[in-house]
Amino acid sequence: MAQLEDWNENTVKRAANETFEELAEMAAGELKKGGPYTKRTGKYQKDWAYEQRISRASAISGIKNYSVYNKGHYQIIHLLEKGHQSRNGGRVRAYEHVGPVNDTLGELAVQKISQKVGR
């Protein structure tokens, strides 16, 4: 019984770790494609990347965590996503691009892990 539980736990961890890395890569790729803001210089969309986070929780659980981030223009993600006050008094419209990708990948993670585990 213990060996069966160990096999099942390791299988699920392996499937989750593989899926999370695939989805982090996919998220960075989707964000690199750009959104409605692409008529600008294009520097912002080229800088999307992902990397594995080292944290205490992942060392205990065995699940790897990944961060998708913008290397060079991390300061403006929130401003583009939520909109902001302009210098001249009006509002600059929001270009939602991170939220939709995040929502899509959350649903996709569950599907991919279930497929890999075979349930």
PDB file of N, CA and C in Angstrom:
ATOM      1  N   MET A   1       0.824  -1.188   0.000  1.00  0.00           N
ATOM      2  CA  MET A   1       0.000   0.000   0.000  1.00  0.00           C
ATOM      3  C   MET A   1       0.876   1.264   0.000  1.00  0.00           C
ATOM      4  N   ALA A   2       1.940   1.239   0.800  1.00  0.00           N
ATOM      5  CA  ALA A   2       2.827   2.401   0.867  1.00  0.00           C
ATOM      6  C   ALA A   2       3.499   2.653  -0.482  1.00  0.00           C
ATOM      7  N   GLN A   3       3.909   1.581  -1.168  1.00  0.00           N
ATOM      8  CA  GLN A   3       4.540   1.739  -2.479  1.00  0.00           C
ATOM      9  C   GLN A   3       3.546   2.296  -3.494  1.00  0.00           C
ATOM     10  N   LEU A   4       2.308   1.873  -3.432  1.00  0.00           N
ATOM     11  CA  LEU A   4       1.284   2.374  -4.340  1.00  0.00           C
ATOM     12  C   LEU A   4       1.029   3.858  -4.100  1.00  0.00           C
ATOM     13  N   GLU A   5       0.946   4.263  -2.840  1.00  0.00           N
ATOM     14  CA  GLU A   5       0.755   5.676  -2.524  1.00  0.00           C
ATOM     15  C   GLU A   5       1.954   6.500  -2.974  1.00  0.00           C
ATOM     16  N   ASP A   6       3.168   5.984  -2.769  1.00  0.00           N
ATOM     17  CA  ASP A   6       4.381   6.682  -3.187  1.00  0.00           C
ATOM     18  C   ASP A   6       4.420   6.843  -4.701  1.00  0.00           C
ATOM     19  N   TRP A   7       4.066   5.794  -5.442  1.00  0.00           N
ATOM     20  CA  TRP A   7       4.044   5.866  -6.908  1.00  0.00           C
ATOM     21  C   TRP A   7       3.039   6.908  -7.370  1.00  0.00           C
ATOM     22  N   ASN A   8       1.850   6.884  -6.779  1.00  0.00           N
ATOM     23  CA  ASN A   8       0.806   7.816  -7.173  1.00  0.00           C
ATOM     24  C   ASN A   8       1.217   9.252  -6.885  1.00  0.00           C
ATOM     25  N   GLU A   9       1.806   9.481  -5.719  1.00  0.00           N
ATOM     26  CA  GLU A   9       2.226  10.825  -5.341  1.00  0.00           C
ATOM     27  C   GLU A   9       3.320  11.331  -6.267  1.00  0.00           C
ATOM     28  N   ASN A  10       4.313  10.500  -6.570  1.00  0.00           N
ATOM     29  CA  ASN A  10       5.399  10.909  -7.467  1.00  0.00           C
ATOM     30  C   ASN A  10       4.902  11.138  -8.886  1.00  0.00           C
ATOM     31  N   THR A  11       3.952  10.339  -9.332  1.00  0.00           N
ATOM     32  CA  THR A  11       3.396  10.511 -10.667  1.00  0.00           C
ATOM     33  C   THR A  11       2.675  11.847 -10.777  1.00  0.00           C
ATOM     34  N   VAL A  12       1.886  12.166  -9.779  1.00  0.00           N
ATOM     35  CA  VAL A  12       1.145  13.429  -9.793  1.00  0.00           C
ATOM     36  C   VAL A  12       2.113  14.612  -9.707  1.00  0.00           C
ATOM     37  N   LYS A  13       3.126  14.530  -8.867  1.00  0.00           N
ATOM     38  CA  LYS A  13       4.113  15.611  -8.759  1.00  0.00           C
ATOM     39  C   LYS A  13       4.841  15.822 -10.074  1.00  0.00           C
ATOM     40  N   ARG A  14       5.259  14.718 -10.699  1.00  0.00           N
ATOM     41  CA  ARG A  14       5.968  14.827 -11.972  1.00  0.00           C
ATOM     42  C   ARG A  14       5.074  15.457 -13.036  1.00  0.00           C
ATOM     43  N   ALA A  15       3.828  15.023 -13.099  1.00  0.00           N
ATOM     44  CA  ALA A  15       2.884  15.573 -14.078  1.00  0.00           C
ATOM     45  C   ALA A  15       2.637  17.053 -13.816  1.00  0.00           C
ATOM     46  N   ALA A  16       2.499  17.425 -12.549  1.00  0.00           N
ATOM     47  CA  ALA A  16       2.262  18.829 -12.203  1.00  0.00           C
ATOM     48  C   ALA A  16       3.482  19.680 -12.550  1.00  0.00           C
ATOM     49  N   ASN A  17       4.669  19.208 -12.219  1.00  0.00           N
ATOM     50  CA  ASN A  17       5.882  19.979 -12.511  1.00  0.00           C
ATOM     51  C   ASN A  17       6.081  20.176 -14.010  1.00  0.00           C
ATOM     52  N   GLU A  18       5.860  19.125 -14.790  1.00  0.00           N
ATOM     53  CA  GLU A  18       5.986  19.242 -16.247  1.00  0.00           C
ATOM     54  C   GLU A  18       4.955  20.215 -16.799  1.00  0.00           C
ATOM     55  N   THR A  19       3.743  20.108 -16.307  1.00  0.00           N
ATOM     56  CA  THR A  19       2.664  20.975 -16.794  1.00  0.00           C
ATOM     57  C   THR A  19       2.926  22.427 -16.440  1.00  0.00           C
ATOM     58  N   PHE A  20       3.372  22.691 -15.221  1.00  0.00           N
ATOM     59  CA  PHE A  20       3.613  24.074 -14.811  1.00  0.00           C
ATOM     60  C   PHE A  20       4.726  24.714 -15.636  1.00  0.00           C
ATOM     61  N   GLU A  21       5.758  23.947 -15.967  1.00  0.00           N
ATOM     62  CA  GLU A  21       6.822  24.507 -16.800  1.00  0.00           C
ATOM     63  C   GLU A  21       6.306  24.787 -18.219  1.00  0.00           C
ATOM     64  N   GLU A  22       5.533  23.856 -18.769  1.00  0.00           N
ATOM     65  CA  GLU A  22       4.958  24.062 -20.102  1.00  0.00           C
ATOM     66  C   GLU A  22       4.068  25.297 -20.132  1.00  0.00           C
ATOM     67  N   LEU A  23       3.255  25.454 -19.108  1.00  0.00           N
ATOM     68  CA  LEU A  23       2.324  26.581 -19.073  1.00  0.00           C
ATOM     69  C   LEU A  23       3.039  27.905 -18.853  1.00  0.00           C
ATOM     70  N   ALA A  24       4.121  27.911 -18.079  1.00  0.00           N
ATOM     71  CA  ALA A  24       4.902  29.140 -17.905  1.00  0.00           C
ATOM     72  C   ALA A  24       5.519  29.557 -19.232  1.00  0.00           C
ATOM     73  N   GLU A  25       6.042  28.579 -19.958  1.00  0.00           N
ATOM     74  CA  GLU A  25       6.614  28.869 -21.280  1.00  0.00           C
ATOM     75  C   GLU A  25       5.530  29.365 -22.234  1.00  0.00           C
ATOM     76  N   MET A  26       4.364  28.738 -22.165  1.00  0.00           N
ATOM     77  CA  MET A  26       3.252  29.137 -23.024  1.00  0.00           C
ATOM     78  C   MET A  26       2.782  30.553 -22.686  1.00  0.00           C
ATOM     79  N   ALA A  27       2.723  30.890 -21.398  1.00  0.00           N
ATOM     80  CA  ALA A  27       2.288  32.224 -20.979  1.00  0.00           C
ATOM     81  C   ALA A  27       3.260  33.289 -21.475  1.00  0.00           C
ATOM     82  N   ALA A  28       4.551  33.033 -21.321  1.00  0.00           N
ATOM     83  CA  ALA A  28       5.547  33.990 -21.804  1.00  0.00           C
ATOM     84  C   ALA A  28       5.433  34.150 -23.320  1.00  0.00           C
ATOM     85  N   GLY A  29       5.197  33.060 -24.016  1.00  0.00           N
ATOM     86  CA  GLY A  29       5.028  33.128 -25.473  1.00  0.00           C
ATOM     87  C   GLY A  29       3.800  33.914 -25.880  1.00  0.00           C
ATOM     88  N   GLU A  30       2.694  33.706 -25.172  1.00  0.00           N
ATOM     89  CA  GLU A  30       1.468  34.448 -25.478  1.00  0.00           C
ATOM     90  C   GLU A  30       1.657  35.940 -25.232  1.00  0.00           C
ATOM     91  N   LEU A  31       2.325  36.281 -24.142  1.00  0.00           N
ATOM     92  CA  LEU A  31       2.537  37.695 -23.834  1.00  0.00           C
ATOM     93  C   LEU A  31       3.528  38.331 -24.792  1.00  0.00           C
ATOM     94  N   LYS A  32       4.463  37.538 -25.329  1.00  0.00           N
ATOM     95  CA  LYS A  32       5.400  38.065 -26.327  1.00  0.00           C
ATOM     96  C   LYS A  32       4.692  38.404 -27.635  1.00  0.00           C
ATOM     97  N   LYS A  33       3.593  37.713 -27.911  1.00  0.00           N
ATOM     98  CA  LYS A  33       2.838  38.015 -29.137  1.00  0.00           C
ATOM     99  C   LYS A  33       2.249  39.411 -29.078  1.00  0.00           C
ATOM    100  N   GLY A  34       2.002  39.897 -27.871  1.00  0.00           N
ATOM    101  CA  GLY A  34       1.498  41.256 -27.706  1.00  0.00           C
ATOM    102  C   GLY A  34      -0.002  41.283 -27.567  1.00  0.00           C
ATOM    103  N   GLY A  35      -0.514  42.485 -27.534  1.00  0.00           N
ATOM    104  CA  GLY A  35      -1.942  42.698 -27.373  1.00  0.00           C
ATOM    105  C   GLY A  35      -2.337  43.957 -28.109  1.00  0.00           C
ATOM    106  N   PRO A  36      -3.336  44.657 -27.601  1.00  0.00           N
ATOM    107  CA  PRO A  36      -3.797  45.863 -28.287  1.00  0.00           C
ATOM    108  C   PRO A  36      -2.810  47.027 -28.199  1.00  0.00           C
ATOM    109  N   TYR A  37      -1.768  46.882 -27.418  1.00  0.00           N
ATOM    110  CA  TYR A  37      -0.781  47.945 -27.256  1.00  0.00           C
ATOM    111  C   TYR A  37       0.384  47.811 -28.240  1.00  0.00           C
ATOM    112  N   THR A  38       0.340  46.870 -29.165  1.00  0.00           N
ATOM    113  CA  THR A  38       1.493  46.566 -30.013  1.00  0.00           C
ATOM    114  C   THR A  38       1.824  47.647 -31.028  1.00  0.00           C
ATOM    115  N   LYS A  39       1.002  48.657 -31.162  1.00  0.00           N
ATOM    116  CA  LYS A  39       1.300  49.722 -32.122  1.00  0.00           C
ATOM    117  C   LYS A  39       2.393  50.646 -31.614  1.00  0.00           C
ATOM    118  N   ARG A  40       2.862  50.406 -30.413  1.00  0.00           N
ATOM    119  CA  ARG A  40       3.949  51.189 -29.832  1.00  0.00           C
ATOM    120  C   ARG A  40       5.285  50.652 -30.318  1.00  0.00           C
ATOM    121  N   THR A  41       6.336  50.783 -29.537  1.00  0.00           N
ATOM    122  CA  THR A  41       7.685  50.429 -29.980  1.00  0.00           C
ATOM    123  C   THR A  41       7.937  48.933 -30.083  1.00  0.00           C
ATOM    124  N   GLY A  42       7.257  48.111 -29.288  1.00  0.00           N
ATOM    125  CA  GLY A  42       7.466  46.675 -29.325  1.00  0.00           C
ATOM    126  C   GLY A  42       8.507  46.183 -28.333  1.00  0.00           C
ATOM    127  N   LYS A  43       9.171  47.084 -27.617  1.00  0.00           N
ATOM    128  CA  LYS A  43      10.198  46.676 -26.662  1.00  0.00           C
ATOM    129  C   LYS A  43       9.581  45.937 -25.477  1.00  0.00           C
ATOM    130  N   TYR A  44       8.406  46.380 -25.050  1.00  0.00           N
ATOM    131  CA  TYR A  44       7.745  45.784 -23.892  1.00  0.00           C
ATOM    132  C   TYR A  44       7.433  44.313 -24.127  1.00  0.00           C
ATOM    133  N   GLN A  45       6.899  43.998 -25.280  1.00  0.00           N
ATOM    134  CA  GLN A  45       6.475  42.613 -25.521  1.00  0.00           C
ATOM    135  C   GLN A  45       7.644  41.659 -25.745  1.00  0.00           C
ATOM    136  N   LYS A  46       8.792  42.119 -26.144  1.00  0.00           N
ATOM    137  CA  LYS A  46       9.943  41.246 -26.367  1.00  0.00           C
ATOM    138  C   LYS A  46      10.574  40.766 -25.063  1.00  0.00           C
ATOM    139  N   ASP A  47      10.345  41.468 -23.964  1.00  0.00           N
ATOM    140  CA  ASP A  47      11.039  41.181 -22.710  1.00  0.00           C
ATOM    141  C   ASP A  47      10.341  40.184 -21.798  1.00  0.00           C
ATOM    142  N   TRP A  48       9.288  39.519 -22.235  1.00  0.00           N
ATOM    143  CA  TRP A  48       8.609  38.544 -21.376  1.00  0.00           C
ATOM    144  C   TRP A  48       9.446  37.279 -21.259  1.00  0.00           C
ATOM    145  N   ALA A  49       9.535  36.756 -20.045  1.00  0.00           N
ATOM    146  CA  ALA A  49      10.319  35.550 -19.780  1.00  0.00           C
ATOM    147  C   ALA A  49       9.699  34.798 -18.606  1.00  0.00           C
ATOM    148  N   TYR A  50      10.200  33.614 -18.350  1.00  0.00           N
ATOM    149  CA  TYR A  50       9.765  32.854 -17.184  1.00  0.00           C
ATOM    150  C   TYR A  50      10.976  32.192 -16.551  1.00  0.00           C
ATOM    151  N   GLU A  51      10.858  31.905 -15.259  1.00  0.00           N
ATOM    152  CA  GLU A  51      11.914  31.175 -14.565  1.00  0.00           C
ATOM    153  C   GLU A  51      11.320  30.463 -13.360  1.00  0.00           C
ATOM    154  N   GLN A  52      12.030  29.459 -12.918  1.00  0.00           N
ATOM    155  CA  GLN A  52      11.584  28.696 -11.757  1.00  0.00           C
ATOM    156  C   GLN A  52      11.917  29.489 -10.501  1.00  0.00           C
ATOM    157  N   ARG A  53      10.942  29.586  -9.605  1.00  0.00           N
ATOM    158  CA  ARG A  53      11.164  30.258  -8.326  1.00  0.00           C
ATOM    159  C   ARG A  53      11.659  29.242  -7.312  1.00  0.00           C
ATOM    160  N   ILE A  54      12.594  29.650  -6.517  1.00  0.00           N
ATOM    161  CA  ILE A  54      13.080  28.810  -5.434  1.00  0.00           C
ATOM    162  C   ILE A  54      12.402  29.313  -4.163  1.00  0.00           C
ATOM    163  N   SER A  55      11.618  28.451  -3.562  1.00  0.00           N
ATOM    164  CA  SER A  55      10.921  28.867  -2.348  1.00  0.00           C
ATOM    165  C   SER A  55      10.834  27.713  -1.368  1.00  0.00           C
ATOM    166  N   ARG A  56      10.525  28.041  -0.180  1.00  0.00           N
ATOM    167  CA  ARG A  56      10.434  27.053   0.878  1.00  0.00           C
ATOM    168  C   ARG A  56       9.288  26.079   0.633  1.00  0.00           C
ATOM    169  N   ALA A  57       8.163  26.578   0.178  1.00  0.00           N
ATOM    170  CA  ALA A  57       6.998  25.720  -0.047  1.00  0.00           C
ATOM    171  C   ALA A  57       7.294  24.667  -1.110  1.00  0.00           C
ATOM    172  N   SER A  58       7.998  25.038  -2.168  1.00  0.00           N
ATOM    173  CA  SER A  58       8.269  24.063  -3.213  1.00  0.00           C
ATOM    174  C   SER A  58       9.260  22.997  -2.743  1.00  0.00           C
ATOM    175  N   ALA A  59      10.157  23.349  -1.830  1.00  0.00           N
ATOM    176  CA  ALA A  59      11.101  22.363  -1.304  1.00  0.00           C
ATOM    177  C   ALA A  59      10.386  21.328  -0.443  1.00  0.00           C
ATOM    178  N   ILE A  60       9.355  21.749   0.229  1.00  0.00           N
ATOM    179  CA  ILE A  60       8.604  20.846   1.096  1.00  0.00           C
ATOM    180  C   ILE A  60       7.647  19.976   0.281  1.00  0.00           C
ATOM    181  N   SER A  61       6.900  20.596  -0.616  1.00  0.00           N
ATOM    182  CA  SER A  61       5.873  19.858  -1.361  1.00  0.00           C
ATOM    183  C   SER A  61       6.427  19.123  -2.579  1.00  0.00           C
ATOM    184  N   GLY A  62       7.546  19.596  -3.108  1.00  0.00           N
ATOM    185  CA  GLY A  62       8.095  18.981  -4.308  1.00  0.00           C
ATOM    186  C   GLY A  62       7.520  19.546  -5.591  1.00  0.00           C
ATOM    187  N   ILE A  63       6.629  20.513  -5.487  1.00  0.00           N
ATOM    188  CA  ILE A  63       6.029  21.146  -6.660  1.00  0.00           C
ATOM    189  C   ILE A  63       6.854  22.377  -7.022  1.00  0.00           C
ATOM    190  N   LYS A  64       7.223  22.492  -8.280  1.00  0.00           N
ATOM    191  CA  LYS A  64       8.012  23.638  -8.738  1.00  0.00           C
ATOM    192  C   LYS A  64       7.093  24.812  -9.042  1.00  0.00           C
ATOM    193  N   ASN A  65       7.545  26.009  -8.670  1.00  0.00           N
ATOM    194  CA  ASN A  65       6.799  27.235  -8.936  1.00  0.00           C
ATOM    195  C   ASN A  65       7.527  28.018 -10.015  1.00  0.00           C
ATOM    196  N   TYR A  66       6.779  28.639 -10.895  1.00  0.00           N
ATOM    197  CA  TYR A  66       7.359  29.425 -11.973  1.00  0.00           C
ATOM    198  C   TYR A  66       6.786  30.830 -11.950  1.00  0.00           C
ATOM    199  N   SER A  67       7.602  31.792 -12.329  1.00  0.00           N
ATOM    200  CA  SER A  67       7.181  33.186 -12.445  1.00  0.00           C
ATOM    201  C   SER A  67       7.314  33.602 -13.897  1.00  0.00           C
ATOM    202  N   VAL A  68       6.283  34.248 -14.397  1.00  0.00           N
ATOM    203  CA  VAL A  68       6.326  34.860 -15.715  1.00  0.00           C
ATOM    204  C   VAL A  68       6.449  36.349 -15.456  1.00  0.00           C
ATOM    205  N   TYR A  69       7.449  36.988 -16.038  1.00  0.00           N
ATOM    206  CA  TYR A  69       7.719  38.384 -15.729  1.00  0.00           C
ATOM    207  C   TYR A  69       8.277  39.099 -16.951  1.00  0.00           C
ATOM    208  N   ASN A  70       8.292  40.412 -16.876  1.00  0.00           N
ATOM    209  CA  ASN A  70       8.864  41.227 -17.934  1.00  0.00           C
ATOM    210  C   ASN A  70      10.213  41.727 -17.436  1.00  0.00           C
ATOM    211  N   LYS A  71      11.283  41.313 -18.108  1.00  0.00           N
ATOM    212  CA  LYS A  71      12.643  41.606 -17.649  1.00  0.00           C
ATOM    213  C   LYS A  71      12.968  43.094 -17.635  1.00  0.00           C
ATOM    214  N   GLY A  72      12.627  43.791 -18.678  1.00  0.00           N
ATOM    215  CA  GLY A  72      13.075  45.173 -18.808  1.00  0.00           C
ATOM    216  C   GLY A  72      12.050  46.226 -18.457  1.00  0.00           C
ATOM    217  N   HIS A  73      10.774  45.877 -18.523  1.00  0.00           N
ATOM    218  CA  HIS A  73       9.728  46.888 -18.335  1.00  0.00           C
ATOM    219  C   HIS A  73       8.713  46.441 -17.290  1.00  0.00           C
ATOM    220  N   TYR A  74       9.219  45.896 -16.205  1.00  0.00           N
ATOM    221  CA  TYR A  74       8.339  45.384 -15.163  1.00  0.00           C
ATOM    222  C   TYR A  74       7.541  46.493 -14.482  1.00  0.00           C
ATOM    223  N   GLN A  75       8.002  47.731 -14.567  1.00  0.00           N
ATOM    224  CA  GLN A  75       7.338  48.833 -13.887  1.00  0.00           C
ATOM    225  C   GLN A  75       5.985  49.177 -14.512  1.00  0.00           C
ATOM    226  N   ILE A  76       5.810  48.905 -15.790  1.00  0.00           N
ATOM    227  CA  ILE A  76       4.593  49.375 -16.451  1.00  0.00           C
ATOM    228  C   ILE A  76       3.521  48.309 -16.631  1.00  0.00           C
ATOM    229  N   ILE A  77       3.749  47.110 -16.135  1.00  0.00           N
ATOM    230  CA  ILE A  77       2.755  46.053 -16.300  1.00  0.00           C
ATOM    231  C   ILE A  77       1.432  46.480 -15.677  1.00  0.00           C
ATOM    232  N   HIS A  78       1.478  46.940 -14.440  1.00  0.00           N
ATOM    233  CA  HIS A  78       0.247  47.337 -13.748  1.00  0.00           C
ATOM    234  C   HIS A  78      -0.401  48.529 -14.441  1.00  0.00           C
ATOM    235  N   LEU A  79       0.398  49.477 -14.912  1.00  0.00           N
ATOM    236  CA  LEU A  79      -0.151  50.657 -15.582  1.00  0.00           C
ATOM    237  C   LEU A  79      -0.868  50.270 -16.872  1.00  0.00           C
ATOM    238  N   LEU A  80      -0.291  49.376 -17.644  1.00  0.00           N
ATOM    239  CA  LEU A  80      -0.943  48.926 -18.871  1.00  0.00           C
ATOM    240  C   LEU A  80      -2.171  48.077 -18.570  1.00  0.00           C
ATOM    241  N   GLU A  81      -2.074  47.217 -17.584  1.00  0.00           N
ATOM    242  CA  GLU A  81      -3.153  46.282 -17.278  1.00  0.00           C
ATOM    243  C   GLU A  81      -4.377  46.998 -16.703  1.00  0.00           C
ATOM    244  N   LYS A  82      -4.157  47.973 -15.842  1.00  0.00           N
ATOM    245  CA  LYS A  82      -5.260  48.618 -15.123  1.00  0.00           C
ATOM    246  C   LYS A  82      -5.596  50.017 -15.619  1.00  0.00           C
ATOM    247  N   GLY A  83      -4.754  50.613 -16.433  1.00  0.00           N
ATOM    248  CA  GLY A  83      -4.972  51.998 -16.827  1.00  0.00           C
ATOM    249  C   GLY A  83      -4.415  52.925 -15.744  1.00  0.00           C
ATOM    250  N   HIS A  84      -4.275  54.218 -16.055  1.00  0.00           N
ATOM    251  CA  HIS A  84      -3.739  55.146 -15.068  1.00  0.00           C
ATOM    252  C   HIS A  84      -4.091  56.571 -15.428  1.00  0.00           C
ATOM    253  N   GLN A  85      -3.835  57.469 -14.501  1.00  0.00           N
ATOM    254  CA  GLN A  85      -4.074  58.894 -14.694  1.00  0.00           C
ATOM    255  C   GLN A  85      -3.016  59.453 -15.637  1.00  0.00           C
ATOM    256  N   SER A  86      -3.436  60.256 -16.594  1.00  0.00           N
ATOM    257  CA  SER A  86      -2.448  60.835 -17.508  1.00  0.00           C
ATOM    258  C   SER A  86      -1.910  62.154 -16.964  1.00  0.00           C
ATOM    259  N   ARG A  87      -0.855  62.629 -17.569  1.00  0.00           N
ATOM    260  CA  ARG A  87      -0.259  63.898 -17.147  1.00  0.00           C
ATOM    261  C   ARG A  87      -1.207  65.068 -17.338  1.00  0.00           C
ATOM    262  N   ASN A  88      -1.999  65.012 -18.390  1.00  0.00           N
ATOM    263  CA  ASN A  88      -2.850  66.141 -18.764  1.00  0.00           C
ATOM    264  C   ASN A  88      -4.215  66.103 -18.099  1.00  0.00           C
ATOM    265  N   GLY A  89      -4.433  65.183 -17.195  1.00  0.00           N
ATOM    266  CA  GLY A  89      -5.671  65.189 -16.442  1.00  0.00           C
ATOM    267  C   GLY A  89      -6.639  64.076 -16.769  1.00  0.00           C
ATOM    268  N   GLY A  90      -6.567  63.460 -17.904  1.00  0.00           N
ATOM    269  CA  GLY A  90      -7.509  62.395 -18.257  1.00  0.00           C
ATOM    270  C   GLY A  90      -7.050  61.044 -17.746  1.00  0.00           C
ATOM    271  N   ARG A  91      -7.670  60.022 -18.274  1.00  0.00           N
ATOM    272  CA  ARG A  91      -7.276  58.650 -17.942  1.00  0.00           C
ATOM    273  C   ARG A  91      -6.692  57.995 -19.183  1.00  0.00           C
ATOM    274  N   VAL A  92      -5.691  57.171 -18.987  1.00  0.00           N
ATOM    275  CA  VAL A  92      -5.136  56.354 -20.061  1.00  0.00           C
ATOM    276  C   VAL A  92      -5.844  55.016 -19.989  1.00  0.00           C
ATOM    277  N   ARG A  93      -6.342  54.557 -21.103  1.00  0.00           N
ATOM    278  CA  ARG A  93      -7.141  53.331 -21.091  1.00  0.00           C
ATOM    279  C   ARG A  93      -6.299  52.111 -20.702  1.00  0.00           C
ATOM    280  N   ALA A  94      -6.984  51.109 -20.197  1.00  0.00           N
ATOM    281  CA  ALA A  94      -6.323  49.871 -19.781  1.00  0.00           C
ATOM    282  C   ALA A  94      -6.211  48.924 -20.972  1.00  0.00           C
ATOM    283  N   TYR A  95      -5.082  48.257 -21.067  1.00  0.00           N
ATOM    284  CA  TYR A  95      -4.868  47.218 -22.069  1.00  0.00           C
ATOM    285  C   TYR A  95      -4.720  45.904 -21.319  1.00  0.00           C
ATOM    286  N   GLU A  96      -5.823  45.235 -21.057  1.00  0.00           N
ATOM    287  CA  GLU A  96      -5.751  43.972 -20.317  1.00  0.00           C
ATOM    288  C   GLU A  96      -5.085  42.913 -21.179  1.00  0.00           C
ATOM    289  N   HIS A  97      -3.970  42.389 -20.692  1.00  0.00           N
ATOM    290  CA  HIS A  97      -3.251  41.373 -21.445  1.00  0.00           C
ATOM    291  C   HIS A  97      -2.737  40.257 -20.548  1.00  0.00           C
ATOM    292  N   VAL A  98      -2.443  40.538 -19.297  1.00  0.00           N
ATOM    293  CA  VAL A  98      -1.940  39.512 -18.390  1.00  0.00           C
ATOM    294  C   VAL A  98      -3.096  38.710 -17.789  1.00  0.00           C
ATOM    295  N   GLY A  99      -4.160  39.380 -17.406  1.00  0.00           N
ATOM    296  CA  GLY A  99      -5.314  38.721 -16.789  1.00  0.00           C
ATOM    297  C   GLY A  99      -5.936  37.627 -17.639  1.00  0.00           C
ATOM    298  N   PRO A 100      -6.248  37.902 -18.900  1.00  0.00           N
ATOM    299  CA  PRO A 100      -6.828  36.851 -19.744  1.00  0.00           C
ATOM    300  C   PRO A 100      -5.914  35.638 -19.928  1.00  0.00           C
ATOM    301  N   VAL A 101      -4.614  35.862 -20.051  1.00  0.00           N
ATOM    302  CA  VAL A 101      -3.674  34.744 -20.191  1.00  0.00           C
ATOM    303  C   VAL A 101      -3.670  33.925 -18.909  1.00  0.00           C
ATOM    304  N   ASN A 102      -3.669  34.585 -17.770  1.00  0.00           N
ATOM    305  CA  ASN A 102      -3.680  33.908 -16.476  1.00  0.00           C
ATOM    306  C   ASN A 102      -4.940  33.069 -16.300  1.00  0.00           C
ATOM    307  N   ASP A 103      -6.094  33.621 -16.670  1.00  0.00           N
ATOM    308  CA  ASP A 103      -7.356  32.883 -16.545  1.00  0.00           C
ATOM    309  C   ASP A 103      -7.366  31.641 -17.432  1.00  0.00           C
ATOM    310  N   THR A 104      -6.901  31.771 -18.644  1.00  0.00           N
ATOM    311  CA  THR A 104      -6.871  30.651 -19.582  1.00  0.00           C
ATOM    312  C   THR A 104      -5.954  29.537 -19.091  1.00  0.00           C
ATOM    313  N   LEU A 105      -4.785  29.910 -18.586  1.00  0.00           N
ATOM    314  CA  LEU A 105      -3.813  28.902 -18.157  1.00  0.00           C
ATOM    315  C   LEU A 105      -4.247  28.181 -16.891  1.00  0.00           C
ATOM    316  N   GLY A 106      -5.030  28.835 -16.040  1.00  0.00           N
ATOM    317  CA  GLY A 106      -5.509  28.169 -14.834  1.00  0.00           C
ATOM    318  C   GLY A 106      -6.397  26.985 -15.161  1.00  0.00           C
ATOM    319  N   GLU A 107      -7.291  27.161 -16.120  1.00  0.00           N
ATOM    320  CA  GLU A 107      -8.173  26.077 -16.543  1.00  0.00           C
ATOM    321  C   GLU A 107      -7.397  24.997 -17.293  1.00  0.00           C
ATOM    322  N   LEU A 108      -6.438  25.428 -18.094  1.00  0.00           N
ATOM    323  CA  LEU A 108      -5.647  24.496 -18.894  1.00  0.00           C
ATOM    324  C   LEU A 108      -4.753  23.616 -18.016  1.00  0.00           C
ATOM    325  N   ALA A 109      -4.293  24.141 -16.898  1.00  0.00           N
ATOM    326  CA  ALA A 109      -3.420  23.377 -15.992  1.00  0.00           C
ATOM    327  C   ALA A 109      -4.137  22.141 -15.466  1.00  0.00           C
ATOM    328  N   VAL A 110      -5.361  22.312 -15.047  1.00  0.00           N
ATOM    329  CA  VAL A 110      -6.125  21.186 -14.508  1.00  0.00           C
ATOM    330  C   VAL A 110      -6.319  20.113 -15.580  1.00  0.00           C
ATOM    331  N   GLN A 111      -6.647  20.516 -16.788  1.00  0.00           N
ATOM    332  CA  GLN A 111      -6.867  19.569 -17.874  1.00  0.00           C
ATOM    333  C   GLN A 111      -5.592  18.799 -18.217  1.00  0.00           C
ATOM    334  N   LYS A 112      -4.461  19.508 -18.323  1.00  0.00           N
ATOM    335  CA  LYS A 112      -3.208  18.851 -18.702  1.00  0.00           C
ATOM    336  C   LYS A 112      -2.719  17.884 -17.633  1.00  0.00           C
ATOM    337  N   ILE A 113      -2.839  18.274 -16.369  1.00  0.00           N
ATOM    338  CA  ILE A 113      -2.402  17.378 -15.284  1.00  0.00           C
ATOM    339  C   ILE A 113      -3.262  16.132 -15.277  1.00  0.00           C
ATOM    340  N   SER A 114      -4.587  16.282 -15.445  1.00  0.00           N
ATOM    341  CA  SER A 114      -5.458  15.090 -15.462  1.00  0.00           C
ATOM    342  C   SER A 114      -5.128  14.178 -16.633  1.00  0.00           C
ATOM    343  N   GLN A 115      -4.797  14.749 -17.797  1.00  0.00           N
ATOM    344  CA  GLN A 115      -4.431  13.930 -18.940  1.00  0.00           C
ATOM    345  C   GLN A 115      -3.147  13.150 -18.663  1.00  0.00           C
ATOM    346  N   LYS A 116      -2.152  13.826 -18.083  1.00  0.00           N
ATOM    347  CA  LYS A 116      -0.867  13.178 -17.842  1.00  0.00           C
ATOM    348  C   LYS A 116      -0.968  12.089 -16.784  1.00  0.00           C
ATOM    349  N   VAL A 117      -1.828  12.292 -15.808  1.00  0.00           N
ATOM    350  CA  VAL A 117      -1.981  11.286 -14.756  1.00  0.00           C
ATOM    351  C   VAL A 117      -2.845  10.141 -15.275  1.00  0.00           C
ATOM    352  N   GLY A 118      -3.714  10.451 -16.214  1.00  0.00           N
ATOM    353  CA  GLY A 118      -4.548   9.413 -16.824  1.00  0.00           C
ATOM    354  C   GLY A 118      -5.879   9.230 -16.143  1.00  0.00           C
ATOM    355  N   ARG A 119      -6.405  10.315 -15.612  1.00  0.00           N
ATOM    356  CA  ARG A 119      -7.709  10.234 -14.953  1.00  0.00           C
ATOM    357  C   ARG A 119      -8.741  11.015 -15.691  1.00  0.00           C
TER     358      ARG A 119
END
